[in-house]
């Protein structure tokens, strides 16, 4: 069969368009899903802990947008369970792991044994791993600066004690959360005496932290009943919830300020319930946006793009009764 000139030209044009489309799928296409499909293992603390649930859900959402396959497990900060989960991920052939259990020694050993798998640790630092999460120290500094302003404005600069009820055994970064508060505060009050800083161990990072912090604050005030201006700082909002409960139970609302890390639901609910005069601020970590910030960065790492940083953090701000509706509008 003979083809006319126009027919031949049409065939050639169609062939060119098909080749262009094929090249697009190979090198471009949708920017989120271009190239190899990666598999991400998510080793979470547990979804019943709200902060971790929000982090997990947002990572899943953004992983899907960027064409990642995900596999999920929970370890509940149990070393044997944590290692078993990670070993299972390796057997499943994951390209990367997001590790969110804060057991530095377990993670460090596993990272050394699996150099071909990209490991991102959430909110704790491990040699050889990438880091995503809060800039813990800077978050503390931001919170401390805000605290100094409130002490100056509402207490005329008077402060009898700074009580840190925190999980100091949870690693270096959680210690930095608390040190940052003090350093930020001392930018204004350089002569605040170290002897008036009380670092009290709350060694339970789970939901029990609320009850433990309640006891810590109650015991502290019982031992120091003449103090009238006390700041309680906690490493998360669950601790802040316990501190507020202690103040409410003792009926000493005018004697305390509470500040915390997280800016999450416990803080938001209490602020909207009118407790913002005591629980004056919580520095926001935005767990509901972890995936949004992390997944594009992780894809750049896996694609071996040049000059990708080893660490990535969101920007922190202090959430208060005055700005909560700006950042978290009422639904």
C-alpha atoms as a PDB file:
ATOM      1  CA  UNK A   1       0.000   0.000   0.000  1.00  0.00           C
ATOM      2  CA  UNK A   2       1.364   3.425  -0.995  1.00  0.00           C
ATOM      3  CA  UNK A   3       1.086   6.353   1.442  1.00  0.00           C
ATOM      4  CA  UNK A   4       0.627   9.932   0.357  1.00  0.00           C
ATOM      5  CA  UNK A   5       3.086  12.576   1.508  1.00  0.00           C
ATOM      6  CA  UNK A   6       0.714  14.034   4.137  1.00  0.00           C
ATOM      7  CA  UNK A   7       0.111  10.577   5.605  1.00  0.00           C
ATOM      8  CA  UNK A   8       3.836   9.903   5.926  1.00  0.00           C
ATOM      9  CA  UNK A   9       4.321  13.306   7.571  1.00  0.00           C
ATOM     10  CA  UNK A  10       1.492  12.586  10.055  1.00  0.00           C
ATOM     11  CA  UNK A  11       3.067   9.244  11.012  1.00  0.00           C
ATOM     12  CA  UNK A  12       6.461  10.872  11.540  1.00  0.00           C
ATOM     13  CA  UNK A  13       4.918  13.591  13.708  1.00  0.00           C
ATOM     14  CA  UNK A  14       3.068  11.033  15.841  1.00  0.00           C
ATOM     15  CA  UNK A  15       6.262   9.021  16.250  1.00  0.00           C
ATOM     16  CA  UNK A  16       8.150  12.143  17.373  1.00  0.00           C
ATOM     17  CA  UNK A  17       5.453  12.986  19.913  1.00  0.00           C
ATOM     18  CA  UNK A  18       5.527   9.453  21.320  1.00  0.00           C
ATOM     19  CA  UNK A  19       9.330   9.588  21.690  1.00  0.00           C
ATOM     20  CA  UNK A  20       9.078  12.962  23.451  1.00  0.00           C
ATOM     21  CA  UNK A  21       6.462  11.622  25.864  1.00  0.00           C
ATOM     22  CA  UNK A  22       8.592   8.559  26.580  1.00  0.00           C
ATOM     23  CA  UNK A  23      11.591  10.753  27.329  1.00  0.00           C
ATOM     24  CA  UNK A  24       9.428  12.838  29.621  1.00  0.00           C
ATOM     25  CA  UNK A  25       8.442   9.812  31.678  1.00  0.00           C
ATOM     26  CA  UNK A  26      12.052   8.678  31.849  1.00  0.00           C
ATOM     27  CA  UNK A  27      13.556  11.985  32.931  1.00  0.00           C
ATOM     28  CA  UNK A  28      10.715  14.202  34.085  1.00  0.00           C
ATOM     29  CA  UNK A  29       7.029  13.473  34.244  1.00  0.00           C
ATOM     30  CA  UNK A  30       5.517  14.513  37.539  1.00  0.00           C
ATOM     31  CA  UNK A  31       8.423  15.929  39.570  1.00  0.00           C
ATOM     32  CA  UNK A  32       7.299  14.145  42.709  1.00  0.00           C
ATOM     33  CA  UNK A  33       7.431  10.620  41.274  1.00  0.00           C
ATOM     34  CA  UNK A  34      10.208  10.852  38.668  1.00  0.00           C
ATOM     35  CA  UNK A  35      12.907   8.184  38.664  1.00  0.00           C
ATOM     36  CA  UNK A  36      13.168   5.126  40.868  1.00  0.00           C
ATOM     37  CA  UNK A  37      10.393   4.318  43.325  1.00  0.00           C
ATOM     38  CA  UNK A  38      11.970   4.277  46.760  1.00  0.00           C
ATOM     39  CA  UNK A  39      10.815   2.287  49.781  1.00  0.00           C
ATOM     40  CA  UNK A  40      10.816   4.006  53.165  1.00  0.00           C
ATOM     41  CA  UNK A  41      10.615   2.093  56.436  1.00  0.00           C
ATOM     42  CA  UNK A  42       8.982   4.054  59.276  1.00  0.00           C
ATOM     43  CA  UNK A  43       9.978   2.761  62.718  1.00  0.00           C
ATOM     44  CA  UNK A  44       7.713   4.769  64.985  1.00  0.00           C
ATOM     45  CA  UNK A  45       7.552   5.016  68.776  1.00  0.00           C
ATOM     46  CA  UNK A  46       3.797   4.415  68.681  1.00  0.00           C
ATOM     47  CA  UNK A  47       0.732   5.956  67.072  1.00  0.00           C
ATOM     48  CA  UNK A  48      -1.091   6.166  70.402  1.00  0.00           C
ATOM     49  CA  UNK A  49       1.329   8.980  71.315  1.00  0.00           C
ATOM     50  CA  UNK A  50      -0.263  11.894  69.486  1.00  0.00           C
ATOM     51  CA  UNK A  51       2.891  13.690  68.372  1.00  0.00           C
ATOM     52  CA  UNK A  52       4.191  10.472  66.806  1.00  0.00           C
ATOM     53  CA  UNK A  53       0.818   9.786  65.190  1.00  0.00           C
ATOM     54  CA  UNK A  54       0.827  13.188  63.486  1.00  0.00           C
ATOM     55  CA  UNK A  55       4.408  12.723  62.312  1.00  0.00           C
ATOM     56  CA  UNK A  56       3.610   9.265  60.938  1.00  0.00           C
ATOM     57  CA  UNK A  57       0.460  10.359  59.122  1.00  0.00           C
ATOM     58  CA  UNK A  58       2.104  13.350  57.473  1.00  0.00           C
ATOM     59  CA  UNK A  59       5.093  11.293  56.352  1.00  0.00           C
ATOM     60  CA  UNK A  60       2.707   8.755  54.784  1.00  0.00           C
ATOM     61  CA  UNK A  61       0.824  11.550  53.023  1.00  0.00           C
ATOM     62  CA  UNK A  62       3.911  13.162  51.517  1.00  0.00           C
ATOM     63  CA  UNK A  63       5.618   9.863  50.746  1.00  0.00           C
ATOM     64  CA  UNK A  64       2.636   8.987  48.569  1.00  0.00           C
ATOM     65  CA  UNK A  65       2.848  12.351  46.793  1.00  0.00           C
ATOM     66  CA  UNK A  66       6.502  11.705  45.988  1.00  0.00           C
ATOM     67  CA  UNK A  67       5.986   8.144  44.821  1.00  0.00           C
ATOM     68  CA  UNK A  68       7.513   6.382  47.827  1.00  0.00           C
ATOM     69  CA  UNK A  69       6.367   2.989  48.995  1.00  0.00           C
ATOM     70  CA  UNK A  70       6.219   2.766  52.805  1.00  0.00           C
ATOM     71  CA  UNK A  71       6.398  -0.024  55.378  1.00  0.00           C
ATOM     72  CA  UNK A  72       5.482   0.704  58.981  1.00  0.00           C
ATOM     73  CA  UNK A  73       6.290  -0.662  62.442  1.00  0.00           C
ATOM     74  CA  UNK A  74       6.182   0.460  66.082  1.00  0.00           C
ATOM     75  CA  UNK A  75       8.843  -0.249  68.714  1.00  0.00           C
ATOM     76  CA  UNK A  76       7.541   1.560  71.818  1.00  0.00           C
ATOM     77  CA  UNK A  77      11.164   2.451  72.708  1.00  0.00           C
ATOM     78  CA  UNK A  78      11.913  -1.225  73.391  1.00  0.00           C
ATOM     79  CA  UNK A  79      15.486  -1.957  72.210  1.00  0.00           C
ATOM     80  CA  UNK A  80      14.866  -5.542  71.060  1.00  0.00           C
ATOM     81  CA  UNK A  81      11.660  -4.615  69.247  1.00  0.00           C
ATOM     82  CA  UNK A  82      13.322  -1.618  67.663  1.00  0.00           C
ATOM     83  CA  UNK A  83      16.203  -3.710  66.281  1.00  0.00           C
ATOM     84  CA  UNK A  84      13.827  -6.436  65.086  1.00  0.00           C
ATOM     85  CA  UNK A  85      11.808  -3.862  63.154  1.00  0.00           C
ATOM     86  CA  UNK A  86      14.904  -2.385  61.556  1.00  0.00           C
ATOM     87  CA  UNK A  87      16.206  -5.852  60.614  1.00  0.00           C
ATOM     88  CA  UNK A  88      12.860  -6.637  58.998  1.00  0.00           C
ATOM     89  CA  UNK A  89      13.041  -3.406  56.992  1.00  0.00           C
ATOM     90  CA  UNK A  90      16.485  -4.457  55.725  1.00  0.00           C
ATOM     91  CA  UNK A  91      15.135  -7.848  54.651  1.00  0.00           C
ATOM     92  CA  UNK A  92      12.301  -6.061  52.826  1.00  0.00           C
ATOM     93  CA  UNK A  93      14.878  -4.111  50.834  1.00  0.00           C
ATOM     94  CA  UNK A  94      14.073  -0.581  52.007  1.00  0.00           C
ATOM     95  CA  UNK A  95      16.111   2.288  50.601  1.00  0.00           C
ATOM     96  CA  UNK A  96      15.690   4.463  53.686  1.00  0.00           C
ATOM     97  CA  UNK A  97      14.470   4.355  57.273  1.00  0.00           C
ATOM     98  CA  UNK A  98      12.870   7.041  59.402  1.00  0.00           C
ATOM     99  CA  UNK A  99      13.754   6.044  62.978  1.00  0.00           C
ATOM    100  CA  UNK A 100      11.666   7.647  65.750  1.00  0.00           C
ATOM    101  CA  UNK A 101      12.477   5.840  69.008  1.00  0.00           C
ATOM    102  CA  UNK A 102      15.344   7.915  70.488  1.00  0.00           C
ATOM    103  CA  UNK A 103      17.502   4.968  71.523  1.00  0.00           C
ATOM    104  CA  UNK A 104      20.835   6.313  70.326  1.00  0.00           C
ATOM    105  CA  UNK A 105      23.022   3.273  71.015  1.00  0.00           C
ATOM    106  CA  UNK A 106      20.690   0.821  69.262  1.00  0.00           C
ATOM    107  CA  UNK A 107      20.367   3.052  66.216  1.00  0.00           C
ATOM    108  CA  UNK A 108      24.091   3.810  66.011  1.00  0.00           C
ATOM    109  CA  UNK A 109      24.983   0.108  65.963  1.00  0.00           C
ATOM    110  CA  UNK A 110      22.386  -0.640  63.294  1.00  0.00           C
ATOM    111  CA  UNK A 111      23.550   2.263  61.104  1.00  0.00           C
ATOM    112  CA  UNK A 112      27.121   0.921  61.148  1.00  0.00           C
ATOM    113  CA  UNK A 113      25.895  -2.542  60.185  1.00  0.00           C
ATOM    114  CA  UNK A 114      23.784  -1.234  57.252  1.00  0.00           C
ATOM    115  CA  UNK A 115      25.820   1.478  55.489  1.00  0.00           C
ATOM    116  CA  UNK A 116      23.869   1.011  52.252  1.00  0.00           C
ATOM    117  CA  UNK A 117      20.555   2.108  53.825  1.00  0.00           C
ATOM    118  CA  UNK A 118      19.889   5.805  54.395  1.00  0.00           C
ATOM    119  CA  UNK A 119      18.777   6.311  57.998  1.00  0.00           C
ATOM    120  CA  UNK A 120      17.031   9.496  59.109  1.00  0.00           C
ATOM    121  CA  UNK A 121      16.670   9.887  62.862  1.00  0.00           C
ATOM    122  CA  UNK A 122      13.756  11.983  64.105  1.00  0.00           C
ATOM    123  CA  UNK A 123      14.645  14.401  66.907  1.00  0.00           C
ATOM    124  CA  UNK A 124      17.842  12.651  68.004  1.00  0.00           C
ATOM    125  CA  UNK A 125      21.363  12.621  66.589  1.00  0.00           C
ATOM    126  CA  UNK A 126      23.227   9.452  65.615  1.00  0.00           C
ATOM    127  CA  UNK A 127      26.637   9.378  63.963  1.00  0.00           C
ATOM    128  CA  UNK A 128      26.332   8.225  60.365  1.00  0.00           C
ATOM    129  CA  UNK A 129      22.612   9.025  60.122  1.00  0.00           C
ATOM    130  CA  UNK A 130      20.816  12.004  58.667  1.00  0.00           C
ATOM    131  CA  UNK A 131      18.870  14.155  61.104  1.00  0.00           C
ATOM    132  CA  UNK A 132      15.381  15.532  60.704  1.00  0.00           C
ATOM    133  CA  UNK A 133      13.390  17.294  63.367  1.00  0.00           C
ATOM    134  CA  UNK A 134      13.514  20.192  65.703  1.00  0.00           C
ATOM    135  CA  UNK A 135      16.520  22.388  66.115  1.00  0.00           C
ATOM    136  CA  UNK A 136      16.201  21.519  69.760  1.00  0.00           C
ATOM    137  CA  UNK A 137      18.581  24.072  71.200  1.00  0.00           C
ATOM    138  CA  UNK A 138      17.311  26.915  69.032  1.00  0.00           C
ATOM    139  CA  UNK A 139      13.716  26.022  69.911  1.00  0.00           C
ATOM    140  CA  UNK A 140      14.676  26.347  73.567  1.00  0.00           C
ATOM    141  CA  UNK A 141      16.362  29.692  72.974  1.00  0.00           C
ATOM    142  CA  UNK A 142      13.271  31.042  71.196  1.00  0.00           C
ATOM    143  CA  UNK A 143      11.142  29.898  74.141  1.00  0.00           C
ATOM    144  CA  UNK A 144      13.547  31.373  76.696  1.00  0.00           C
ATOM    145  CA  UNK A 145      13.520  34.770  75.005  1.00  0.00           C
ATOM    146  CA  UNK A 146       9.733  34.808  75.072  1.00  0.00           C
ATOM    147  CA  UNK A 147       9.732  33.751  78.722  1.00  0.00           C
ATOM    148  CA  UNK A 148      12.068  36.607  79.649  1.00  0.00           C
ATOM    149  CA  UNK A 149       9.694  39.069  78.041  1.00  0.00           C
ATOM    150  CA  UNK A 150       6.728  37.730  79.991  1.00  0.00           C
ATOM    151  CA  UNK A 151       8.641  37.748  83.299  1.00  0.00           C
ATOM    152  CA  UNK A 152       9.613  41.339  82.655  1.00  0.00           C
ATOM    153  CA  UNK A 153       6.127  42.421  81.618  1.00  0.00           C
ATOM    154  CA  UNK A 154       3.998  40.544  84.162  1.00  0.00           C
ATOM    155  CA  UNK A 155       6.332  39.886  87.090  1.00  0.00           C
ATOM    156  CA  UNK A 156       8.462  43.034  86.862  1.00  0.00           C
ATOM    157  CA  UNK A 157      11.556  40.861  86.327  1.00  0.00           C
ATOM    158  CA  UNK A 158      11.177  38.875  89.551  1.00  0.00           C
ATOM    159  CA  UNK A 159      11.861  35.134  89.342  1.00  0.00           C
ATOM    160  CA  UNK A 160      12.521  32.899  92.349  1.00  0.00           C
ATOM    161  CA  UNK A 161      13.210  29.604  90.578  1.00  0.00           C
ATOM    162  CA  UNK A 162      13.332  27.915  87.189  1.00  0.00           C
ATOM    163  CA  UNK A 163      12.293  24.273  87.474  1.00  0.00           C
ATOM    164  CA  UNK A 164      13.042  21.955  84.548  1.00  0.00           C
ATOM    165  CA  UNK A 165      10.985  18.759  84.792  1.00  0.00           C
ATOM    166  CA  UNK A 166      12.404  16.849  81.852  1.00  0.00           C
ATOM    167  CA  UNK A 167      13.581  13.495  80.557  1.00  0.00           C
ATOM    168  CA  UNK A 168      17.314  14.071  80.871  1.00  0.00           C
ATOM    169  CA  UNK A 169      18.115  10.426  80.197  1.00  0.00           C
ATOM    170  CA  UNK A 170      16.430  10.657  76.778  1.00  0.00           C
ATOM    171  CA  UNK A 171      19.592  11.991  75.166  1.00  0.00           C
ATOM    172  CA  UNK A 172      21.641  15.030  74.363  1.00  0.00           C
ATOM    173  CA  UNK A 173      19.053  16.797  72.264  1.00  0.00           C
ATOM    174  CA  UNK A 174      16.367  16.803  74.952  1.00  0.00           C
ATOM    175  CA  UNK A 175      18.936  18.281  77.329  1.00  0.00           C
ATOM    176  CA  UNK A 176      19.560  20.986  74.734  1.00  0.00           C
ATOM    177  CA  UNK A 177      15.845  21.782  74.703  1.00  0.00           C
ATOM    178  CA  UNK A 178      16.096  22.777  78.349  1.00  0.00           C
ATOM    179  CA  UNK A 179      19.528  24.421  78.177  1.00  0.00           C
ATOM    180  CA  UNK A 180      18.235  26.581  75.341  1.00  0.00           C
ATOM    181  CA  UNK A 181      15.402  27.909  77.510  1.00  0.00           C
ATOM    182  CA  UNK A 182      17.897  29.040  80.148  1.00  0.00           C
ATOM    183  CA  UNK A 183      20.293  30.565  77.618  1.00  0.00           C
ATOM    184  CA  UNK A 184      17.483  32.429  75.866  1.00  0.00           C
ATOM    185  CA  UNK A 185      16.260  33.723  79.207  1.00  0.00           C
ATOM    186  CA  UNK A 186      19.773  34.836  80.185  1.00  0.00           C
ATOM    187  CA  UNK A 187      20.065  36.997  77.091  1.00  0.00           C
ATOM    188  CA  UNK A 188      17.840  39.370  79.064  1.00  0.00           C
ATOM    189  CA  UNK A 189      18.632  38.329  82.647  1.00  0.00           C
ATOM    190  CA  UNK A 190      22.362  37.612  82.505  1.00  0.00           C
ATOM    191  CA  UNK A 191      22.748  37.494  86.301  1.00  0.00           C
ATOM    192  CA  UNK A 192      20.041  34.944  87.019  1.00  0.00           C
ATOM    193  CA  UNK A 193      21.830  32.588  89.459  1.00  0.00           C
ATOM    194  CA  UNK A 194      22.493  28.985  88.465  1.00  0.00           C
ATOM    195  CA  UNK A 195      21.641  27.887  92.004  1.00  0.00           C
ATOM    196  CA  UNK A 196      18.028  28.852  91.292  1.00  0.00           C
ATOM    197  CA  UNK A 197      17.814  26.435  88.339  1.00  0.00           C
ATOM    198  CA  UNK A 198      16.455  23.033  89.400  1.00  0.00           C
ATOM    199  CA  UNK A 199      16.888  20.186  86.902  1.00  0.00           C
ATOM    200  CA  UNK A 200      14.517  17.427  88.008  1.00  0.00           C
ATOM    201  CA  UNK A 201      14.510  14.106  86.165  1.00  0.00           C
ATOM    202  CA  UNK A 202      11.304  12.885  84.579  1.00  0.00           C
ATOM    203  CA  UNK A 203      12.525   9.623  83.097  1.00  0.00           C
ATOM    204  CA  UNK A 204       9.297   8.542  81.452  1.00  0.00           C
ATOM    205  CA  UNK A 205       8.915  10.026  77.940  1.00  0.00           C
ATOM    206  CA  UNK A 206       5.487   8.481  77.377  1.00  0.00           C
ATOM    207  CA  UNK A 207       2.019   9.435  78.590  1.00  0.00           C
ATOM    208  CA  UNK A 208       3.120   8.821  82.186  1.00  0.00           C
ATOM    209  CA  UNK A 209       5.107  12.041  81.958  1.00  0.00           C
ATOM    210  CA  UNK A 210       1.975  14.019  82.789  1.00  0.00           C
ATOM    211  CA  UNK A 211       1.495  12.287  86.135  1.00  0.00           C
ATOM    212  CA  UNK A 212       5.209  12.384  86.946  1.00  0.00           C
ATOM    213  CA  UNK A 213       5.479  16.111  86.244  1.00  0.00           C
ATOM    214  CA  UNK A 214       2.404  16.775  88.391  1.00  0.00           C
ATOM    215  CA  UNK A 215       4.193  15.068  91.280  1.00  0.00           C
ATOM    216  CA  UNK A 216       7.503  16.887  90.608  1.00  0.00           C
ATOM    217  CA  UNK A 217       5.886  20.333  90.631  1.00  0.00           C
ATOM    218  CA  UNK A 218       3.752  19.584  93.670  1.00  0.00           C
ATOM    219  CA  UNK A 219       6.755  18.291  95.625  1.00  0.00           C
ATOM    220  CA  UNK A 220       8.875  21.268  94.619  1.00  0.00           C
ATOM    221  CA  UNK A 221       6.335  23.820  95.798  1.00  0.00           C
ATOM    222  CA  UNK A 222       5.734  21.878  99.011  1.00  0.00           C
ATOM    223  CA  UNK A 223       9.471  22.132  99.697  1.00  0.00           C
ATOM    224  CA  UNK A 224       9.606  25.858  98.764  1.00  0.00           C
ATOM    225  CA  UNK A 225       6.292  27.356  99.977  1.00  0.00           C
ATOM    226  CA  UNK A 226       7.627  30.925 100.288  1.00  0.00           C
ATOM    227  CA  UNK A 227       8.438  31.241  96.577  1.00  0.00           C
ATOM    228  CA  UNK A 228       5.967  33.384  94.672  1.00  0.00           C
ATOM    229  CA  UNK A 229       7.402  33.447  91.130  1.00  0.00           C
ATOM    230  CA  UNK A 230       8.277  30.035  89.699  1.00  0.00           C
ATOM    231  CA  UNK A 231       8.763  28.971  86.079  1.00  0.00           C
ATOM    232  CA  UNK A 232       8.292  25.310  85.163  1.00  0.00           C
ATOM    233  CA  UNK A 233       9.814  24.206  81.864  1.00  0.00           C
ATOM    234  CA  UNK A 234       9.070  20.794  80.352  1.00  0.00           C
ATOM    235  CA  UNK A 235      10.473  18.939  77.355  1.00  0.00           C
ATOM    236  CA  UNK A 236       7.027  18.285  75.851  1.00  0.00           C
ATOM    237  CA  UNK A 237       3.370  19.268  76.177  1.00  0.00           C
ATOM    238  CA  UNK A 238       2.512  16.136  78.146  1.00  0.00           C
ATOM    239  CA  UNK A 239       4.850  17.417  80.843  1.00  0.00           C
ATOM    240  CA  UNK A 240       3.290  20.865  80.561  1.00  0.00           C
ATOM    241  CA  UNK A 241      -0.112  19.307  81.099  1.00  0.00           C
ATOM    242  CA  UNK A 242       1.113  17.785  84.368  1.00  0.00           C
ATOM    243  CA  UNK A 243       2.659  21.050  85.525  1.00  0.00           C
ATOM    244  CA  UNK A 244      -0.588  22.915  84.853  1.00  0.00           C
ATOM    245  CA  UNK A 245      -2.581  20.247  86.726  1.00  0.00           C
ATOM    246  CA  UNK A 246      -0.303  20.660  89.751  1.00  0.00           C
ATOM    247  CA  UNK A 247      -0.725  24.445  89.735  1.00  0.00           C
ATOM    248  CA  UNK A 248      -4.504  24.162  89.387  1.00  0.00           C
ATOM    249  CA  UNK A 249      -4.762  21.573  92.159  1.00  0.00           C
ATOM    250  CA  UNK A 250      -2.698  23.706  94.545  1.00  0.00           C
ATOM    251  CA  UNK A 251      -4.622  26.857  93.602  1.00  0.00           C
ATOM    252  CA  UNK A 252      -1.386  28.757  92.939  1.00  0.00           C
ATOM    253  CA  UNK A 253      -2.107  30.151  89.478  1.00  0.00           C
ATOM    254  CA  UNK A 254      -0.584  33.554  90.260  1.00  0.00           C
ATOM    255  CA  UNK A 255       2.707  31.961  91.380  1.00  0.00           C
ATOM    256  CA  UNK A 256       3.603  29.988  88.255  1.00  0.00           C
ATOM    257  CA  UNK A 257       4.405  30.235  84.586  1.00  0.00           C
ATOM    258  CA  UNK A 258       4.583  27.001  82.585  1.00  0.00           C
ATOM    259  CA  UNK A 259       6.436  26.730  79.256  1.00  0.00           C
ATOM    260  CA  UNK A 260       6.880  23.626  77.119  1.00  0.00           C
ATOM    261  CA  UNK A 261       8.081  22.190  73.823  1.00  0.00           C
ATOM    262  CA  UNK A 262       5.692  20.928  71.164  1.00  0.00           C
ATOM    263  CA  UNK A 263       2.824  23.378  70.630  1.00  0.00           C
ATOM    264  CA  UNK A 264       0.574  20.378  70.153  1.00  0.00           C
ATOM    265  CA  UNK A 265      -3.011  19.423  71.080  1.00  0.00           C
ATOM    266  CA  UNK A 266      -2.634  19.334  74.908  1.00  0.00           C
ATOM    267  CA  UNK A 267      -1.352  22.894  74.888  1.00  0.00           C
ATOM    268  CA  UNK A 268      -3.835  24.121  72.298  1.00  0.00           C
ATOM    269  CA  UNK A 269      -6.817  22.672  74.173  1.00  0.00           C
ATOM    270  CA  UNK A 270      -5.778  24.221  77.484  1.00  0.00           C
ATOM    271  CA  UNK A 271      -5.131  27.602  75.890  1.00  0.00           C
ATOM    272  CA  UNK A 272      -8.612  27.581  74.379  1.00  0.00           C
ATOM    273  CA  UNK A 273      -9.971  26.589  77.790  1.00  0.00           C
ATOM    274  CA  UNK A 274      -8.591  29.830  79.236  1.00  0.00           C
ATOM    275  CA  UNK A 275      -5.339  28.548  80.815  1.00  0.00           C
ATOM    276  CA  UNK A 276      -3.024  30.827  78.850  1.00  0.00           C
ATOM    277  CA  UNK A 277      -2.247  33.055  81.831  1.00  0.00           C
ATOM    278  CA  UNK A 278      -0.369  30.173  83.486  1.00  0.00           C
ATOM    279  CA  UNK A 279       0.696  27.944  80.595  1.00  0.00           C
ATOM    280  CA  UNK A 280       2.008  30.947  78.769  1.00  0.00           C
ATOM    281  CA  UNK A 281       3.737  29.383  75.772  1.00  0.00           C
ATOM    282  CA  UNK A 282       4.831  26.256  73.942  1.00  0.00           C
ATOM    283  CA  UNK A 283       7.383  26.345  71.151  1.00  0.00           C
ATOM    284  CA  UNK A 284       5.876  24.837  68.004  1.00  0.00           C
ATOM    285  CA  UNK A 285       7.410  21.753  66.374  1.00  0.00           C
ATOM    286  CA  UNK A 286       4.622  21.206  63.818  1.00  0.00           C
ATOM    287  CA  UNK A 287       4.462  17.377  63.783  1.00  0.00           C
ATOM    288  CA  UNK A 288       1.577  17.634  61.344  1.00  0.00           C
ATOM    289  CA  UNK A 289       4.089  18.979  58.756  1.00  0.00           C
ATOM    290  CA  UNK A 290       7.091  16.681  59.280  1.00  0.00           C
ATOM    291  CA  UNK A 291       6.496  14.805  56.034  1.00  0.00           C
ATOM    292  CA  UNK A 292       6.008  18.018  54.078  1.00  0.00           C
ATOM    293  CA  UNK A 293       9.440  19.204  55.174  1.00  0.00           C
ATOM    294  CA  UNK A 294      11.235  15.855  55.186  1.00  0.00           C
ATOM    295  CA  UNK A 295      10.168  13.860  52.128  1.00  0.00           C
ATOM    296  CA  UNK A 296      11.422  16.249  49.383  1.00  0.00           C
ATOM    297  CA  UNK A 297      14.761  16.490  51.233  1.00  0.00           C
ATOM    298  CA  UNK A 298      14.953  12.695  51.615  1.00  0.00           C
ATOM    299  CA  UNK A 299      14.268  12.231  47.900  1.00  0.00           C
ATOM    300  CA  UNK A 300      17.168  14.562  47.099  1.00  0.00           C
ATOM    301  CA  UNK A 301      19.389  12.436  49.361  1.00  0.00           C
ATOM    302  CA  UNK A 302      18.315   9.192  47.670  1.00  0.00           C
ATOM    303  CA  UNK A 303      18.689  10.753  44.213  1.00  0.00           C
ATOM    304  CA  UNK A 304      22.267  11.601  45.257  1.00  0.00           C
ATOM    305  CA  UNK A 305      21.878  15.268  44.444  1.00  0.00           C
ATOM    306  CA  UNK A 306      24.942  17.369  45.332  1.00  0.00           C
ATOM    307  CA  UNK A 307      25.218  19.518  48.449  1.00  0.00           C
ATOM    308  CA  UNK A 308      22.196  18.090  50.267  1.00  0.00           C
ATOM    309  CA  UNK A 309      22.532  18.996  53.982  1.00  0.00           C
ATOM    310  CA  UNK A 310      22.875  16.226  56.585  1.00  0.00           C
ATOM    311  CA  UNK A 311      20.350  17.935  58.845  1.00  0.00           C
ATOM    312  CA  UNK A 312      17.007  19.643  58.300  1.00  0.00           C
ATOM    313  CA  UNK A 313      14.705  21.425  60.755  1.00  0.00           C
ATOM    314  CA  UNK A 314      11.482  23.441  60.613  1.00  0.00           C
ATOM    315  CA  UNK A 315      11.497  27.007  61.867  1.00  0.00           C
ATOM    316  CA  UNK A 316      10.289  27.430  65.425  1.00  0.00           C
ATOM    317  CA  UNK A 317       7.965  29.992  66.982  1.00  0.00           C
ATOM    318  CA  UNK A 318       6.240  30.255  70.349  1.00  0.00           C
ATOM    319  CA  UNK A 319       2.546  29.433  70.290  1.00  0.00           C
ATOM    320  CA  UNK A 320       0.498  31.514  72.753  1.00  0.00           C
ATOM    321  CA  UNK A 321      -3.083  32.449  73.541  1.00  0.00           C
ATOM    322  CA  UNK A 322      -2.599  35.523  71.361  1.00  0.00           C
ATOM    323  CA  UNK A 323      -1.476  33.823  68.155  1.00  0.00           C
ATOM    324  CA  UNK A 324      -3.023  30.344  68.295  1.00  0.00           C
ATOM    325  CA  UNK A 325      -5.869  31.196  65.904  1.00  0.00           C
ATOM    326  CA  UNK A 326      -3.370  32.531  63.357  1.00  0.00           C
ATOM    327  CA  UNK A 327      -1.479  29.231  63.155  1.00  0.00           C
ATOM    328  CA  UNK A 328      -4.265  26.797  64.106  1.00  0.00           C
ATOM    329  CA  UNK A 329      -7.631  28.319  63.168  1.00  0.00           C
ATOM    330  CA  UNK A 330     -10.664  26.935  64.915  1.00  0.00           C
ATOM    331  CA  UNK A 331     -12.382  24.242  62.872  1.00  0.00           C
END
